[in-house]
C-alpha atoms as a PDB file:
ATOM      1  CA  UNK A   1     -12.521  13.089   6.105  1.00  0.00           C
ATOM      2  CA  UNK A   2     -10.447  13.601   2.969  1.00  0.00           C
ATOM      3  CA  UNK A   3      -7.429  11.276   2.709  1.00  0.00           C
ATOM      4  CA  UNK A   4      -4.753  11.496   0.020  1.00  0.00           C
ATOM      5  CA  UNK A   5      -3.269   8.073  -0.771  1.00  0.00           C
ATOM      6  CA  UNK A   6       0.060   7.942  -2.597  1.00  0.00           C
ATOM      7  CA  UNK A   7       1.715   4.925  -4.180  1.00  0.00           C
ATOM      8  CA  UNK A   8       4.442   3.816  -6.576  1.00  0.00           C
ATOM      9  CA  UNK A   9       5.299   6.995  -8.473  1.00  0.00           C
ATOM     10  CA  UNK A  10       6.024  10.670  -8.027  1.00  0.00           C
ATOM     11  CA  UNK A  11       3.093  12.651  -9.455  1.00  0.00           C
ATOM     12  CA  UNK A  12       4.077  16.013 -10.957  1.00  0.00           C
ATOM     13  CA  UNK A  13       0.772  17.643  -9.960  1.00  0.00           C
ATOM     14  CA  UNK A  14       1.544  16.798  -6.321  1.00  0.00           C
ATOM     15  CA  UNK A  15       5.281  17.457  -6.429  1.00  0.00           C
ATOM     16  CA  UNK A  16       4.780  21.125  -7.265  1.00  0.00           C
ATOM     17  CA  UNK A  17       4.225  24.459  -5.518  1.00  0.00           C
ATOM     18  CA  UNK A  18       0.530  24.237  -6.467  1.00  0.00           C
ATOM     19  CA  UNK A  19      -0.145  21.189  -4.301  1.00  0.00           C
ATOM     20  CA  UNK A  20      -1.763  23.268  -1.570  1.00  0.00           C
ATOM     21  CA  UNK A  21      -4.108  24.966  -4.055  1.00  0.00           C
ATOM     22  CA  UNK A  22      -5.325  21.611  -5.391  1.00  0.00           C
ATOM     23  CA  UNK A  23      -5.192  19.470  -2.224  1.00  0.00           C
ATOM     24  CA  UNK A  24      -5.287  21.946   0.665  1.00  0.00           C
ATOM     25  CA  UNK A  25      -8.456  20.357   2.039  1.00  0.00           C
ATOM     26  CA  UNK A  26      -6.754  16.974   2.636  1.00  0.00           C
ATOM     27  CA  UNK A  27      -6.686  16.022   6.333  1.00  0.00           C
ATOM     28  CA  UNK A  28      -4.415  12.970   6.211  1.00  0.00           C
ATOM     29  CA  UNK A  29      -1.893  11.468   3.777  1.00  0.00           C
ATOM     30  CA  UNK A  30      -1.088   7.776   3.507  1.00  0.00           C
ATOM     31  CA  UNK A  31       2.013   6.591   1.627  1.00  0.00           C
ATOM     32  CA  UNK A  32       1.328   3.082   0.352  1.00  0.00           C
ATOM     33  CA  UNK A  33       4.879   2.208  -0.681  1.00  0.00           C
ATOM     34  CA  UNK A  34       7.529   2.543  -3.364  1.00  0.00           C
ATOM     35  CA  UNK A  35       7.915   6.289  -2.885  1.00  0.00           C
ATOM     36  CA  UNK A  36      11.123   8.243  -2.266  1.00  0.00           C
ATOM     37  CA  UNK A  37      11.443   9.841   1.158  1.00  0.00           C
ATOM     38  CA  UNK A  38      12.098  13.289  -0.371  1.00  0.00           C
ATOM     39  CA  UNK A  39       8.657  13.104  -2.019  1.00  0.00           C
ATOM     40  CA  UNK A  40       6.866  12.165   1.214  1.00  0.00           C
ATOM     41  CA  UNK A  41       8.740  14.945   3.025  1.00  0.00           C
ATOM     42  CA  UNK A  42       7.692  17.480   0.380  1.00  0.00           C
ATOM     43  CA  UNK A  43       4.034  16.430   0.639  1.00  0.00           C
ATOM     44  CA  UNK A  44       3.940  16.614   4.456  1.00  0.00           C
ATOM     45  CA  UNK A  45       5.726  19.976   4.445  1.00  0.00           C
ATOM     46  CA  UNK A  46       3.473  21.562   1.840  1.00  0.00           C
ATOM     47  CA  UNK A  47       0.144  20.238   3.153  1.00  0.00           C
ATOM     48  CA  UNK A  48       1.051  20.435   6.861  1.00  0.00           C
ATOM     49  CA  UNK A  49      -1.052  17.386   7.748  1.00  0.00           C
ATOM     50  CA  UNK A  50      -0.049  14.024   9.257  1.00  0.00           C
ATOM     51  CA  UNK A  51       1.522  11.552   6.829  1.00  0.00           C
ATOM     52  CA  UNK A  52       1.719   7.847   7.650  1.00  0.00           C
ATOM     53  CA  UNK A  53       3.525   5.429   5.358  1.00  0.00           C
ATOM     54  CA  UNK A  54       4.656   1.851   4.782  1.00  0.00           C
ATOM     55  CA  UNK A  55       7.518   0.593   2.610  1.00  0.00           C
ATOM     56  CA  UNK A  56       6.772  -0.967  -0.752  1.00  0.00           C
ATOM     57  CA  UNK A  57       8.340  -4.075  -2.203  1.00  0.00           C
ATOM     58  CA  UNK A  58      10.786  -1.945  -4.239  1.00  0.00           C
ATOM     59  CA  UNK A  59      11.863   0.339  -1.378  1.00  0.00           C
ATOM     60  CA  UNK A  60      15.406   0.058  -0.086  1.00  0.00           C
ATOM     61  CA  UNK A  61      16.097   0.187   3.682  1.00  0.00           C
ATOM     62  CA  UNK A  62      18.057   3.437   3.119  1.00  0.00           C
ATOM     63  CA  UNK A  63      17.789   6.201   0.550  1.00  0.00           C
ATOM     64  CA  UNK A  64      20.214   8.892  -0.608  1.00  0.00           C
ATOM     65  CA  UNK A  65      19.206  12.552  -0.526  1.00  0.00           C
ATOM     66  CA  UNK A  66      20.488  15.231  -2.896  1.00  0.00           C
ATOM     67  CA  UNK A  67      22.750  16.643  -0.157  1.00  0.00           C
ATOM     68  CA  UNK A  68      24.531  13.274   0.155  1.00  0.00           C
ATOM     69  CA  UNK A  69      22.887  12.158   3.386  1.00  0.00           C
ATOM     70  CA  UNK A  70      21.704   8.578   3.738  1.00  0.00           C
ATOM     71  CA  UNK A  71      18.352   8.301   5.524  1.00  0.00           C
ATOM     72  CA  UNK A  72      16.263   5.372   6.687  1.00  0.00           C
ATOM     73  CA  UNK A  73      12.951   7.185   7.174  1.00  0.00           C
ATOM     74  CA  UNK A  74      10.961  10.110   5.823  1.00  0.00           C
ATOM     75  CA  UNK A  75      11.424  13.061   8.177  1.00  0.00           C
ATOM     76  CA  UNK A  76       8.209  14.595   9.464  1.00  0.00           C
ATOM     77  CA  UNK A  77       6.294  11.422   8.559  1.00  0.00           C
ATOM     78  CA  UNK A  78       5.516   8.302  10.566  1.00  0.00           C
ATOM     79  CA  UNK A  79       6.185   4.770   9.402  1.00  0.00           C
ATOM     80  CA  UNK A  80       3.371   2.492  10.506  1.00  0.00           C
ATOM     81  CA  UNK A  81       4.830  -0.686   9.027  1.00  0.00           C
ATOM     82  CA  UNK A  82       3.984  -3.443  11.495  1.00  0.00           C
ATOM     83  CA  UNK A  83       2.172  -1.024  13.814  1.00  0.00           C
ATOM     84  CA  UNK A  84      -1.345   0.062  14.696  1.00  0.00           C
ATOM     85  CA  UNK A  85      -1.850   3.774  15.289  1.00  0.00           C
ATOM     86  CA  UNK A  86      -4.856   5.805  16.311  1.00  0.00           C
ATOM     87  CA  UNK A  87      -4.884   9.219  14.655  1.00  0.00           C
ATOM     88  CA  UNK A  88      -6.770  11.589  16.929  1.00  0.00           C
ATOM     89  CA  UNK A  89      -8.747  14.420  15.374  1.00  0.00           C
ATOM     90  CA  UNK A  90      -9.848  17.364  17.459  1.00  0.00           C
ATOM     91  CA  UNK A  91     -13.604  17.215  18.043  1.00  0.00           C
ATOM     92  CA  UNK A  92     -14.094  14.394  15.523  1.00  0.00           C
ATOM     93  CA  UNK A  93     -13.894  10.597  15.541  1.00  0.00           C
ATOM     94  CA  UNK A  94     -10.385   9.197  15.499  1.00  0.00           C
ATOM     95  CA  UNK A  95      -9.001   7.098  12.658  1.00  0.00           C
ATOM     96  CA  UNK A  96      -7.423   3.687  13.273  1.00  0.00           C
ATOM     97  CA  UNK A  97      -4.541   2.800  10.955  1.00  0.00           C
ATOM     98  CA  UNK A  98      -2.653  -0.487  10.575  1.00  0.00           C
ATOM     99  CA  UNK A  99       0.475  -0.731   8.446  1.00  0.00           C
ATOM    100  CA  UNK A 100       1.494  -3.800   6.489  1.00  0.00           C
ATOM    101  CA  UNK A 101       4.153  -2.858   3.969  1.00  0.00           C
ATOM    102  CA  UNK A 102       5.937  -4.859   1.329  1.00  0.00           C
ATOM    103  CA  UNK A 103       4.591  -7.721  -0.727  1.00  0.00           C
ATOM    104  CA  UNK A 104       4.697 -11.462  -1.062  1.00  0.00           C
ATOM    105  CA  UNK A 105       8.127 -12.712  -2.102  1.00  0.00           C
ATOM    106  CA  UNK A 106       8.660 -13.073  -5.822  1.00  0.00           C
ATOM    107  CA  UNK A 107      12.494 -12.924  -5.881  1.00  0.00           C
ATOM    108  CA  UNK A 108      15.354 -12.918  -3.397  1.00  0.00           C
ATOM    109  CA  UNK A 109      16.647  -9.398  -3.942  1.00  0.00           C
ATOM    110  CA  UNK A 110      14.182  -7.088  -2.161  1.00  0.00           C
ATOM    111  CA  UNK A 111      14.206  -6.102   1.492  1.00  0.00           C
ATOM    112  CA  UNK A 112      10.444  -5.814   1.830  1.00  0.00           C
ATOM    113  CA  UNK A 113       9.281  -9.129   0.394  1.00  0.00           C
ATOM    114  CA  UNK A 114       7.886 -11.902   2.553  1.00  0.00           C
ATOM    115  CA  UNK A 115       6.874 -15.529   2.232  1.00  0.00           C
ATOM    116  CA  UNK A 116       3.210 -16.371   2.719  1.00  0.00           C
ATOM    117  CA  UNK A 117       3.960 -17.505   6.292  1.00  0.00           C
ATOM    118  CA  UNK A 118       5.983 -14.371   7.082  1.00  0.00           C
ATOM    119  CA  UNK A 119       3.250 -12.083   5.747  1.00  0.00           C
ATOM    120  CA  UNK A 120       0.592 -13.999   7.680  1.00  0.00           C
ATOM    121  CA  UNK A 121       2.660 -13.649  10.864  1.00  0.00           C
ATOM    122  CA  UNK A 122       3.071  -9.910  10.217  1.00  0.00           C
ATOM    123  CA  UNK A 123      -0.684  -9.536   9.690  1.00  0.00           C
ATOM    124  CA  UNK A 124      -1.472 -11.540  12.847  1.00  0.00           C
ATOM    125  CA  UNK A 125       0.986  -9.307  14.692  1.00  0.00           C
ATOM    126  CA  UNK A 126      -1.352  -6.379  14.011  1.00  0.00           C
ATOM    127  CA  UNK A 127      -4.423  -8.170  15.392  1.00  0.00           C
ATOM    128  CA  UNK A 128      -3.904  -7.445  19.106  1.00  0.00           C
ATOM    129  CA  UNK A 129      -3.480  -3.728  18.433  1.00  0.00           C
ATOM    130  CA  UNK A 130      -6.547  -3.636  16.224  1.00  0.00           C
ATOM    131  CA  UNK A 131      -8.625  -5.579  18.723  1.00  0.00           C
ATOM    132  CA  UNK A 132      -7.439  -3.522  21.675  1.00  0.00           C
ATOM    133  CA  UNK A 133      -8.340  -0.314  19.853  1.00  0.00           C
ATOM    134  CA  UNK A 134     -11.725  -1.323  18.464  1.00  0.00           C
ATOM    135  CA  UNK A 135     -13.316  -3.521  21.119  1.00  0.00           C
ATOM    136  CA  UNK A 136     -14.085  -3.100  24.808  1.00  0.00           C
ATOM    137  CA  UNK A 137     -10.948  -4.336  26.642  1.00  0.00           C
ATOM    138  CA  UNK A 138     -12.556  -7.486  28.069  1.00  0.00           C
ATOM    139  CA  UNK A 139     -13.817  -8.573  24.624  1.00  0.00           C
ATOM    140  CA  UNK A 140     -10.426  -7.828  23.013  1.00  0.00           C
ATOM    141  CA  UNK A 141      -8.677  -9.981  25.603  1.00  0.00           C
ATOM    142  CA  UNK A 142     -11.143 -12.830  25.090  1.00  0.00           C
ATOM    143  CA  UNK A 143     -10.609 -12.759  21.318  1.00  0.00           C
ATOM    144  CA  UNK A 144      -6.819 -12.629  21.592  1.00  0.00           C
ATOM    145  CA  UNK A 145      -6.800 -15.465  24.126  1.00  0.00           C
ATOM    146  CA  UNK A 146      -9.117 -17.783  22.198  1.00  0.00           C
ATOM    147  CA  UNK A 147      -9.905 -16.478  18.695  1.00  0.00           C
ATOM    148  CA  UNK A 148     -12.536 -17.982  16.386  1.00  0.00           C
ATOM    149  CA  UNK A 149     -10.579 -21.223  15.789  1.00  0.00           C
ATOM    150  CA  UNK A 150      -9.517 -21.911  19.357  1.00  0.00           C
ATOM    151  CA  UNK A 151      -6.511 -20.828  21.436  1.00  0.00           C
ATOM    152  CA  UNK A 152      -3.887 -18.687  19.725  1.00  0.00           C
ATOM    153  CA  UNK A 153      -0.132 -18.863  19.968  1.00  0.00           C
ATOM    154  CA  UNK A 154       1.381 -18.442  23.445  1.00  0.00           C
ATOM    155  CA  UNK A 155       2.827 -15.062  22.403  1.00  0.00           C
ATOM    156  CA  UNK A 156      -0.671 -13.690  21.776  1.00  0.00           C
ATOM    157  CA  UNK A 157      -1.957 -15.091  25.074  1.00  0.00           C
ATOM    158  CA  UNK A 158       0.975 -13.390  26.812  1.00  0.00           C
ATOM    159  CA  UNK A 159       0.171 -10.153  24.995  1.00  0.00           C
ATOM    160  CA  UNK A 160      -3.409 -10.405  26.211  1.00  0.00           C
ATOM    161  CA  UNK A 161      -2.141 -10.100  29.780  1.00  0.00           C
ATOM    162  CA  UNK A 162      -0.780  -6.638  28.882  1.00  0.00           C
ATOM    163  CA  UNK A 163      -4.097  -5.327  27.558  1.00  0.00           C
ATOM    164  CA  UNK A 164      -6.198  -3.192  29.918  1.00  0.00           C
ATOM    165  CA  UNK A 165      -9.079  -5.040  31.545  1.00  0.00           C
ATOM    166  CA  UNK A 166     -12.439  -3.366  32.041  1.00  0.00           C
END
C-alpha cells in the first residue's frame, strides 16, 4: 500500500495540477498536522483517495478560506484526532489508524498543546479502540479490564463492558 504523509508545510510539487501524474498511485493520505485545510482539500480532491488528518501544535481551531468562510475541518477529509479508525480496502487487508494530534505543551498560546499527563490520557484513550480492533474480543476485554500493571481506571473497565464478547 502506498501512503502519502503530509506535515508542516505546503509543498509546491503537491499543490499543483501535476499531483495526479506524480502521485496517482497513492492509496491513502495522512495529514500529520500544521497544514491548512485548503491544502488538504486540494490533495483529497485531486487524488480522489481517503485522507485522514490530525491537528498540529500550530493549527488553530478554525481557519479562514479565500471566500471569507470560517471552517473548523477540512471538507472531504476525516479528522482522526483522538479516534481509532479502520480503513477498509476492497479485497485487501484493512488499515488501522489512530490519531493523536498536537504536541507536548511548550507555551500557553496554542490550542493543540498538552501537558505530559493530558497527552498520556489522550494516548490511553485510544487503547480500547486499538485493542478492540486488533485482538479477539475476549482478549481485548481482558487487557482493558486488567492491563499489564493491574486494574485500569474505572472508565476503562466500564468501556470494556461495551466491547463485543466472543
